[in-house]
Amino acid sequence: MSGAASPTEDGARRFMRRYPEEGDGPIPVERYTSQAYFDREKDAVFRRKWLNVGHMLQVAKPGDYIVVDLKIAETAILVIHGKDGAIRAFHNMCSHRGAPVAWDAQGSCRGFLSCRFHGWVYDTSGKLVHVSDAENFPSVDPAANGLSAVHCAVWQGFIFINLAKEPEESLEDHLAPVADHIGRYDFEGFTPAFSYRIDENVNWKTLQEAQLEGWHLPYLHEKTLARAVKVEGRQYRHSAIELHGLHGVLGSPPPDSFTPPPTAMLASRFGTGTVQAFGSKADKGDEGYQFRGSFDFWHIFPNFFVGLLDGLFFTFNIWPVAVDRSIWEIRGYYPPVKTAGELFAREYSKVGLRDPMMEDCFTHELIAAQLKSGAKPVIHFQDEEMLVRHLGNGVDRCVRGLA
């Protein structure tokens, strides 16, 4: 199901009326605090659904690899660009005694990876090509002891894996509700510009929910982001909320007027930055990407976000570690820097994103601590928090075996 509601539509509850199947009642707090519920999420969501683990720009050349630590699945995944050009994923685990094959978070090899524990060697296709002291391993068949493969597929440069023995659907089917929309954005010509990794004492859904609504911007981010979305005399309203299967998108409204701080204005003269997000959008034609707001924030179930702006994009990956702990990975992708001025613009934009993220993190942990108290059995979502409700409903349907 998909659709958008305009902030100028008459009446309250515009999104609740558009998506009545999502409900409007309170949400049980135990979804955020129960160890039993979290354990069911592990199996029903993270061991079944397609998960984004990175971008082709991180493994651009044959031999390049990354290692993604998935504590939610009690494994680490090696993603490697094969010498034959294929992108593959494996459990980062030697067949000898289980030691990591790649010990670095990111690197490049000349076609082979050697386990540092006892020297077993694997090629970029995962094949075991050398067994140290092989004559003393009479039961080891190299052909049957390669790296343990994980289902892997690439879409628009984004790398996804699926930990199921046999995925219930292809990546193409998983992304079908949003592929045509996001796929209209031109992802070519960008380079990794910066990244943050934040370790928070918070349930993964609480962390995500703060990214699934902009209603908090005029309050929590009064000194940072609020100036870019403020509409004088009126309550904040999204320019669009759309639900597409388990996925969805937020459109952030342009402000009545926006005068960036002097430093931001200076940075925007030299290069691409988030200031450009709040300007008018060039018409990309029927085949081009259609912005819903001043910038669009796509959620790809269960834990991946793509923020689309004019001239840049950024991603969030939010990884559960425990019922009350999560990792938030933030990556920005910008055009290549060619001048000192462009570098200044990019660094200013990086800081502009960092500061509101710090405000978010502080609040996430306060919420998580209070939910544990048991003082409130439920929490409440309003109309502008429809995408928040949609996430929780999607997870709960998975937990109950309905999605």
Protein backbone atom coordinates (compact mmCIF):
# COMPACT_ATOMS: atom_id res chain seq x y z
CA MET A 1 0.00 0.00 0.00
CA SER A 2 1.27 3.50 -0.72
CA GLY A 3 0.01 7.04 -0.67
CA ALA A 4 0.79 10.54 0.56
CA ALA A 5 -1.18 13.12 2.43
CA SER A 6 -0.61 16.81 1.96
CA PRO A 7 -0.04 19.00 5.03
CA THR A 8 -2.73 21.31 3.64
CA GLU A 9 -5.47 18.64 3.66
CA ASP A 10 -8.36 19.62 5.92
CA GLY A 11 -8.95 17.92 9.23
CA ALA A 12 -6.92 16.03 11.78
CA ARG A 13 -5.61 12.47 11.59
CA ARG A 14 -4.89 12.68 7.85
CA PHE A 15 -2.50 9.70 7.96
CA MET A 16 -4.67 7.66 10.31
CA ARG A 17 -7.53 8.13 7.85
CA ARG A 18 -5.30 7.13 4.93
CA TYR A 19 -3.90 4.05 6.71
CA PRO A 20 -6.64 2.86 9.09
CA GLU A 21 -5.20 -0.66 9.15
CA GLU A 22 -2.24 0.67 11.19
CA GLY A 23 -4.53 1.48 14.11
CA ASP A 24 -4.48 4.38 16.54
CA GLY A 25 -4.22 2.78 19.99
CA PRO A 26 -1.46 2.68 22.62
CA ILE A 27 1.65 0.51 22.22
CA PRO A 28 2.82 -1.94 24.93
CA VAL A 29 6.08 -0.89 26.60
CA GLU A 30 7.15 -4.55 26.84
CA ARG A 31 8.00 -4.46 23.13
CA TYR A 32 10.99 -2.32 24.15
CA THR A 33 11.95 -3.92 27.46
CA SER A 34 11.08 -7.63 27.25
CA GLN A 35 14.01 -10.01 26.72
CA ALA A 36 11.60 -12.67 25.45
CA TYR A 37 10.18 -10.30 22.82
CA PHE A 38 13.69 -9.26 21.76
CA ASP A 39 14.69 -12.91 21.37
CA ARG A 40 11.72 -13.45 19.06
CA GLU A 41 12.76 -10.40 17.02
CA LYS A 42 16.20 -11.96 16.48
CA ASP A 43 14.75 -14.99 14.75
CA ALA A 44 11.63 -13.52 13.16
CA VAL A 45 13.25 -10.36 11.75
CA PHE A 46 17.03 -10.40 11.64
CA ARG A 47 17.52 -14.04 10.68
CA ARG A 48 14.82 -13.89 7.98
CA LYS A 49 14.80 -10.46 6.33
CA TRP A 50 17.25 -8.86 3.91
CA LEU A 51 19.72 -6.62 5.76
CA ASN A 52 21.83 -3.85 4.29
CA VAL A 53 25.48 -4.26 5.29
CA GLY A 54 27.17 -1.58 3.22
CA HIS A 55 27.73 -0.03 -0.17
CA MET A 56 29.78 -0.98 -3.20
CA LEU A 57 31.91 2.11 -2.63
CA GLN A 58 33.33 0.35 0.45
CA VAL A 59 34.49 -2.60 -1.68
CA ALA A 60 35.11 -0.81 -4.95
CA LYS A 61 37.96 -2.96 -6.30
CA PRO A 62 38.45 -6.72 -6.62
CA GLY A 63 40.05 -7.94 -3.41
CA ASP A 64 38.44 -5.23 -1.27
CA TYR A 65 36.47 -6.46 1.74
CA ILE A 66 34.57 -5.32 4.81
CA VAL A 67 33.64 -7.19 7.98
CA VAL A 68 30.24 -6.45 9.51
CA ASP A 69 29.78 -7.44 13.15
CA LEU A 70 26.21 -8.74 13.57
CA LYS A 71 25.84 -9.41 17.27
CA ILE A 72 22.08 -9.71 16.80
CA ALA A 73 22.81 -12.90 14.84
CA GLU A 74 25.88 -13.92 16.86
CA THR A 75 28.16 -13.77 13.83
CA ALA A 76 30.39 -11.50 11.78
CA ILE A 77 29.96 -11.28 8.02
CA LEU A 78 32.80 -10.97 5.52
CA VAL A 79 31.73 -9.14 2.35
CA ILE A 80 34.33 -9.39 -0.41
CA HIS A 81 34.67 -8.16 -3.98
CA GLY A 82 35.82 -11.25 -5.84
CA LYS A 83 38.53 -11.36 -8.45
CA ASP A 84 35.78 -12.33 -10.89
CA GLY A 85 33.87 -9.12 -10.07
CA ALA A 86 31.16 -10.79 -7.96
CA ILE A 87 30.21 -9.51 -4.50
CA ARG A 88 29.94 -12.36 -2.01
CA ALA A 89 29.27 -12.70 1.70
CA PHE A 90 30.48 -15.34 4.15
CA HIS A 91 30.55 -15.98 7.85
CA ASN A 92 33.96 -14.63 8.87
CA MET A 93 34.97 -18.02 10.26
CA CYS A 94 37.80 -20.35 9.34
CA SER A 95 36.78 -23.98 8.81
CA HIS A 96 39.68 -25.18 10.98
CA ARG A 97 38.74 -23.95 14.46
CA GLY A 98 36.47 -20.99 13.89
CA ALA A 99 38.96 -18.11 14.05
CA PRO A 100 38.21 -14.99 11.95
CA VAL A 101 39.60 -15.14 8.44
CA ALA A 102 39.70 -11.34 8.14
CA TRP A 103 40.73 -9.57 11.34
CA ASP A 104 40.30 -6.00 10.15
CA ALA A 105 37.03 -4.14 9.70
CA GLN A 106 38.01 -3.18 6.17
CA GLY A 107 40.87 -4.01 3.86
CA SER A 108 42.08 -5.33 0.54
CA CYS A 109 43.81 -8.55 -0.48
CA ARG A 110 45.59 -9.76 -3.61
CA GLY A 111 43.21 -12.62 -4.12
CA PHE A 112 43.61 -14.63 -0.93
CA LEU A 113 42.88 -14.35 2.79
CA SER A 114 44.95 -16.32 5.28
CA CYS A 115 43.73 -17.18 8.76
CA ARG A 116 46.24 -15.77 11.24
CA PHE A 117 45.67 -18.61 13.70
CA HIS A 118 47.07 -21.54 11.68
CA GLY A 119 47.44 -20.26 8.13
CA TRP A 120 44.55 -21.86 6.23
CA VAL A 121 44.05 -19.87 3.01
CA TYR A 122 40.86 -18.97 1.13
CA ASP A 123 40.41 -17.24 -2.23
CA THR A 124 37.92 -14.44 -2.90
CA SER A 125 35.24 -16.94 -3.93
CA GLY A 126 35.44 -18.56 -0.47
CA LYS A 127 37.24 -21.69 -1.67
CA LEU A 128 39.74 -23.30 0.71
CA VAL A 129 42.95 -23.38 -1.36
CA HIS A 130 45.59 -24.26 1.24
CA VAL A 131 45.55 -26.39 4.39
CA SER A 132 48.63 -26.01 6.56
CA ASP A 133 50.25 -29.40 7.36
CA ALA A 134 47.61 -31.01 5.16
CA GLU A 135 48.93 -34.56 5.55
CA ASN A 136 47.90 -34.43 9.21
CA PHE A 137 44.27 -33.61 8.35
CA PRO A 138 43.20 -36.89 6.73
CA SER A 139 39.47 -36.15 7.16
CA VAL A 140 39.55 -32.62 5.65
CA ASP A 141 38.26 -32.31 2.09
CA PRO A 142 39.19 -28.78 0.90
CA ALA A 143 36.28 -28.76 -1.55
CA ALA A 144 33.82 -29.27 1.33
CA ASN A 145 35.46 -26.85 3.77
CA GLY A 146 35.34 -23.46 2.12
CA LEU A 147 33.92 -20.42 3.87
CA SER A 148 30.25 -20.68 4.83
CA ALA A 149 28.34 -18.57 2.33
CA VAL A 150 25.56 -16.12 3.12
CA HIS A 151 22.97 -15.02 0.56
CA CYS A 152 24.13 -11.71 -0.90
CA ALA A 153 22.70 -9.32 -3.50
CA VAL A 154 23.33 -5.74 -4.63
CA TRP A 155 20.76 -3.08 -5.52
CA GLN A 156 21.67 0.44 -6.65
CA GLY A 157 25.12 -0.10 -5.15
CA PHE A 158 23.71 -1.09 -1.75
CA ILE A 159 24.83 -4.52 -0.51
CA PHE A 160 22.30 -6.74 1.25
CA ILE A 161 22.57 -10.15 2.91
CA ASN A 162 20.03 -12.69 4.12
CA LEU A 163 20.96 -15.11 6.92
CA ALA A 164 18.17 -17.60 6.24
CA LYS A 165 19.14 -20.98 4.82
CA GLU A 166 16.65 -20.26 2.04
CA PRO A 167 15.28 -16.69 1.91
CA GLU A 168 11.51 -16.48 1.80
CA GLU A 169 11.79 -13.86 -0.94
CA SER A 170 14.45 -12.41 -3.22
CA LEU A 171 15.98 -9.01 -2.54
CA GLU A 172 14.16 -7.79 -5.64
CA ASP A 173 10.82 -8.83 -4.14
CA HIS A 174 11.72 -7.40 -0.72
CA LEU A 175 12.46 -3.99 -2.24
CA ALA A 176 9.72 -4.08 -4.88
CA PRO A 177 7.41 -1.65 -3.00
CA VAL A 178 10.08 1.08 -2.99
CA ALA A 179 12.52 0.13 -5.77
CA ASP A 180 10.91 2.21 -8.49
CA HIS A 181 10.68 5.27 -6.25
CA ILE A 182 14.21 5.26 -4.79
CA GLY A 183 15.67 3.88 -8.02
CA ARG A 184 14.90 7.13 -9.81
CA TYR A 185 17.53 8.90 -7.71
CA ASP A 186 20.90 9.18 -9.46
CA PHE A 187 23.38 7.46 -7.12
CA GLU A 188 26.31 7.78 -9.53
CA GLY A 189 29.33 10.00 -8.93
CA PHE A 190 29.43 9.97 -5.12
CA THR A 191 32.22 8.97 -2.75
CA PRO A 192 32.18 8.08 0.97
CA ALA A 193 32.65 11.39 2.77
CA PHE A 194 32.39 10.56 6.48
CA SER A 195 31.02 8.06 8.96
CA TYR A 196 29.99 7.92 12.61
CA ARG A 197 29.48 4.89 14.82
CA ILE A 198 27.48 5.39 18.01
CA ASP A 199 27.03 2.79 20.76
CA GLU A 200 23.84 3.54 22.69
CA ASN A 201 22.07 2.03 25.69
CA VAL A 202 18.70 1.89 23.98
CA ASN A 203 16.36 -0.59 22.33
CA TRP A 204 16.80 -0.59 18.56
CA LYS A 205 13.19 0.40 17.88
CA THR A 206 13.33 3.42 20.20
CA LEU A 207 16.44 4.56 18.33
CA GLN A 208 14.79 4.07 14.94
CA GLU A 209 11.54 5.70 15.95
CA ALA A 210 13.27 9.02 16.55
CA GLN A 211 14.36 8.93 12.91
CA LEU A 212 10.89 8.00 11.65
CA GLU A 213 9.23 11.28 12.55
CA GLY A 214 10.17 14.94 12.27
CA TRP A 215 7.54 16.10 14.74
CA HIS A 216 10.22 16.40 17.44
CA LEU A 217 12.44 18.76 15.42
CA PRO A 218 11.02 22.08 16.68
CA TYR A 219 11.35 20.82 20.26
CA LEU A 220 14.47 18.71 20.68
CA HIS A 221 16.44 20.39 17.88
CA GLU A 222 15.35 23.94 18.60
CA LYS A 223 18.90 25.29 18.22
CA THR A 224 19.94 23.12 15.27
CA LEU A 225 17.57 21.57 12.71
CA ALA A 226 14.44 23.44 13.80
CA ARG A 227 15.37 26.62 11.96
CA ALA A 228 15.27 24.72 8.67
CA VAL A 229 11.72 23.37 9.11
CA LYS A 230 10.02 26.03 11.20
CA VAL A 231 6.71 27.35 9.95
CA GLU A 232 5.71 30.40 11.96
CA GLY A 233 2.48 30.10 13.89
CA ARG A 234 1.76 26.52 12.89
CA GLN A 235 2.44 23.08 14.33
CA TYR A 236 5.01 20.97 12.49
CA ARG A 237 3.50 18.81 9.77
CA HIS A 238 5.30 16.44 7.42
CA SER A 239 4.95 17.24 3.75
CA ALA A 240 4.35 13.53 3.15
CA ILE A 241 4.25 10.16 4.87
CA GLU A 242 3.95 7.14 2.62
CA LEU A 243 3.78 3.46 3.55
CA HIS A 244 5.06 0.98 0.99
CA GLY A 245 4.70 -2.59 2.23
CA LEU A 246 6.96 -2.89 5.28
CA HIS A 247 8.91 0.19 4.15
CA GLY A 248 8.07 3.90 4.12
CA VAL A 249 9.21 7.45 3.52
CA LEU A 250 9.03 10.82 5.26
CA GLY A 251 9.05 14.09 3.39
CA SER A 252 10.28 17.06 5.42
CA PRO A 253 8.48 20.32 4.66
CA PRO A 254 10.34 23.39 3.45
CA PRO A 255 10.15 26.30 5.92
CA ASP A 256 8.27 29.52 5.17
CA SER A 257 11.69 31.14 4.98
CA PHE A 258 15.16 29.88 5.70
CA THR A 259 18.21 32.02 6.36
CA PRO A 260 21.17 29.77 7.13
CA PRO A 261 23.79 30.89 9.63
CA PRO A 262 26.64 32.93 8.08
CA THR A 263 29.09 30.02 8.24
CA ALA A 264 26.60 27.76 6.46
CA MET A 265 26.09 30.39 3.78
CA LEU A 266 29.85 30.61 3.31
CA ALA A 267 30.17 26.83 3.08
CA SER A 268 27.37 26.63 0.51
CA ARG A 269 29.30 29.00 -1.78
CA PHE A 270 32.12 26.50 -2.12
CA GLY A 271 30.47 23.10 -2.32
CA THR A 272 27.67 20.69 -1.61
CA GLY A 273 26.18 20.60 1.86
CA THR A 274 22.93 20.15 3.70
CA VAL A 275 22.02 23.82 3.12
CA GLN A 276 21.10 22.86 -0.44
CA ALA A 277 18.45 20.52 0.92
CA PHE A 278 16.19 23.39 1.83
CA GLY A 279 16.27 25.12 -1.54
CA SER A 280 13.96 24.55 -4.47
CA LYS A 281 14.22 21.21 -6.23
CA ALA A 282 15.09 21.15 -9.92
CA ASP A 283 12.55 19.33 -12.07
CA LYS A 284 14.07 15.95 -12.90
CA GLY A 285 11.33 15.06 -15.36
CA ASP A 286 8.98 12.10 -15.31
CA GLU A 287 11.88 9.64 -15.15
CA GLY A 288 13.79 11.48 -12.42
CA TYR A 289 13.42 11.27 -8.66
CA GLN A 290 10.38 13.10 -7.31
CA PHE A 291 11.05 14.75 -3.95
CA ARG A 292 8.23 14.63 -1.42
CA GLY A 293 9.69 17.47 0.64
CA SER A 294 12.79 19.57 1.14
CA PHE A 295 14.50 16.21 1.63
CA ASP A 296 13.22 12.66 1.79
CA PHE A 297 14.05 9.97 4.33
CA TRP A 298 13.37 6.39 3.25
CA HIS A 299 13.09 3.52 5.72
CA ILE A 300 13.85 0.06 4.34
CA PHE A 301 12.63 -2.58 6.77
CA PRO A 302 13.91 -3.57 9.22
CA ASN A 303 16.84 -1.26 10.07
CA PHE A 304 18.15 0.66 7.06
CA PHE A 305 17.58 4.33 6.14
CA VAL A 306 18.49 6.32 3.03
CA GLY A 307 18.28 10.12 3.21
CA LEU A 308 18.02 11.75 -0.23
CA LEU A 309 18.97 15.39 -0.80
CA ASP A 310 19.95 17.43 -3.82
CA GLY A 311 23.57 16.57 -4.53
CA LEU A 312 24.25 14.11 -1.68
CA PHE A 313 22.78 11.22 0.25
CA PHE A 314 23.38 9.60 3.64
CA THR A 315 22.52 6.27 5.26
CA PHE A 316 21.73 4.92 8.71
CA ASN A 317 22.15 1.31 9.83
CA ILE A 318 20.75 0.59 13.27
CA TRP A 319 21.91 -2.73 14.71
CA PRO A 320 20.43 -4.35 17.84
CA VAL A 321 23.04 -5.70 20.25
CA ALA A 322 20.86 -6.42 23.28
CA VAL A 323 17.33 -5.56 24.33
CA ASP A 324 18.71 -2.28 25.73
CA ARG A 325 21.74 -1.65 23.51
CA SER A 326 22.14 -0.68 19.84
CA ILE A 327 24.77 0.46 17.35
CA TRP A 328 23.95 3.41 15.09
CA GLU A 329 26.10 3.67 11.95
CA ILE A 330 25.88 6.89 9.93
CA ARG A 331 27.53 7.36 6.52
CA GLY A 332 27.54 10.37 4.22
CA TYR A 333 28.11 10.20 0.46
CA TYR A 334 29.13 13.39 -1.37
CA PRO A 335 30.63 14.35 -4.73
CA PRO A 336 34.44 13.97 -4.85
CA VAL A 337 36.32 16.87 -3.26
CA LYS A 338 38.58 18.76 -5.68
CA THR A 339 39.31 22.03 -3.87
CA ALA A 340 39.95 23.28 -0.35
CA GLY A 341 36.64 25.13 -0.47
CA GLU A 342 34.74 21.96 -1.30
CA LEU A 343 36.47 20.20 1.60
CA PHE A 344 35.43 23.02 3.94
CA ALA A 345 31.80 22.75 2.72
CA ARG A 346 31.77 19.00 3.27
CA GLU A 347 33.28 19.20 6.75
CA TYR A 348 30.81 21.88 7.77
CA SER A 349 27.97 19.69 6.53
CA LYS A 350 29.39 16.76 8.52
CA VAL A 351 29.33 18.79 11.74
CA GLY A 352 25.83 20.01 10.90
CA LEU A 353 24.64 16.42 10.94
CA ARG A 354 26.67 15.46 14.01
CA ASP A 355 25.24 18.01 16.42
CA PRO A 356 21.54 17.03 16.18
CA MET A 357 22.59 13.37 16.31
CA MET A 358 24.18 14.07 19.71
CA GLU A 359 20.90 15.60 20.89
CA ASP A 360 19.09 12.49 19.67
CA CYS A 361 21.45 10.06 21.40
CA PHE A 362 21.11 11.76 24.77
CA THR A 363 17.33 11.60 24.52
CA HIS A 364 17.24 7.97 23.34
CA GLU A 365 19.05 6.79 26.45
CA LEU A 366 16.84 8.83 28.76
CA ILE A 367 13.76 7.24 27.21
CA ALA A 368 15.21 3.73 27.43
CA ALA A 369 16.06 4.15 31.11
CA GLN A 370 12.57 5.36 31.99
CA LEU A 371 10.75 2.66 30.03
CA LYS A 372 12.51 0.07 32.20
CA SER A 373 10.92 1.54 35.32
CA GLY A 374 7.58 -0.12 34.61
CA ALA A 375 5.78 3.07 35.60
CA LYS A 376 3.92 3.17 32.27
CA PRO A 377 2.53 0.03 30.62
CA VAL A 378 1.96 1.72 27.25
CA ILE A 379 3.16 4.63 25.10
CA HIS A 380 1.24 6.64 22.51
CA PHE A 381 1.81 7.69 18.89
CA GLN A 382 -0.03 10.50 17.16
CA ASP A 383 -0.84 11.04 13.50
CA GLU A 384 2.53 12.54 12.48
CA GLU A 385 4.17 9.47 14.02
CA MET A 386 2.47 7.09 11.57
CA LEU A 387 5.77 5.72 10.24
CA VAL A 388 6.84 5.01 13.83
CA ARG A 389 3.68 2.99 14.38
CA HIS A 390 4.22 1.27 11.02
CA LEU A 391 7.68 0.02 12.09
CA GLY A 392 6.35 -1.45 15.33
CA ASN A 393 3.42 -3.06 13.55
CA GLY A 394 5.74 -4.59 10.96
CA VAL A 395 8.05 -6.03 13.60
CA ASP A 396 5.12 -7.37 15.59
CA ARG A 397 3.65 -9.05 12.49
CA CYS A 398 7.01 -10.74 11.93
CA VAL A 399 7.16 -11.87 15.56
CA ARG A 400 3.68 -13.35 15.25
CA GLY A 401 4.54 -15.05 11.96
CA LEU A 402 2.31 -12.84 9.82
CA ALA A 403 4.95 -11.03 7.72
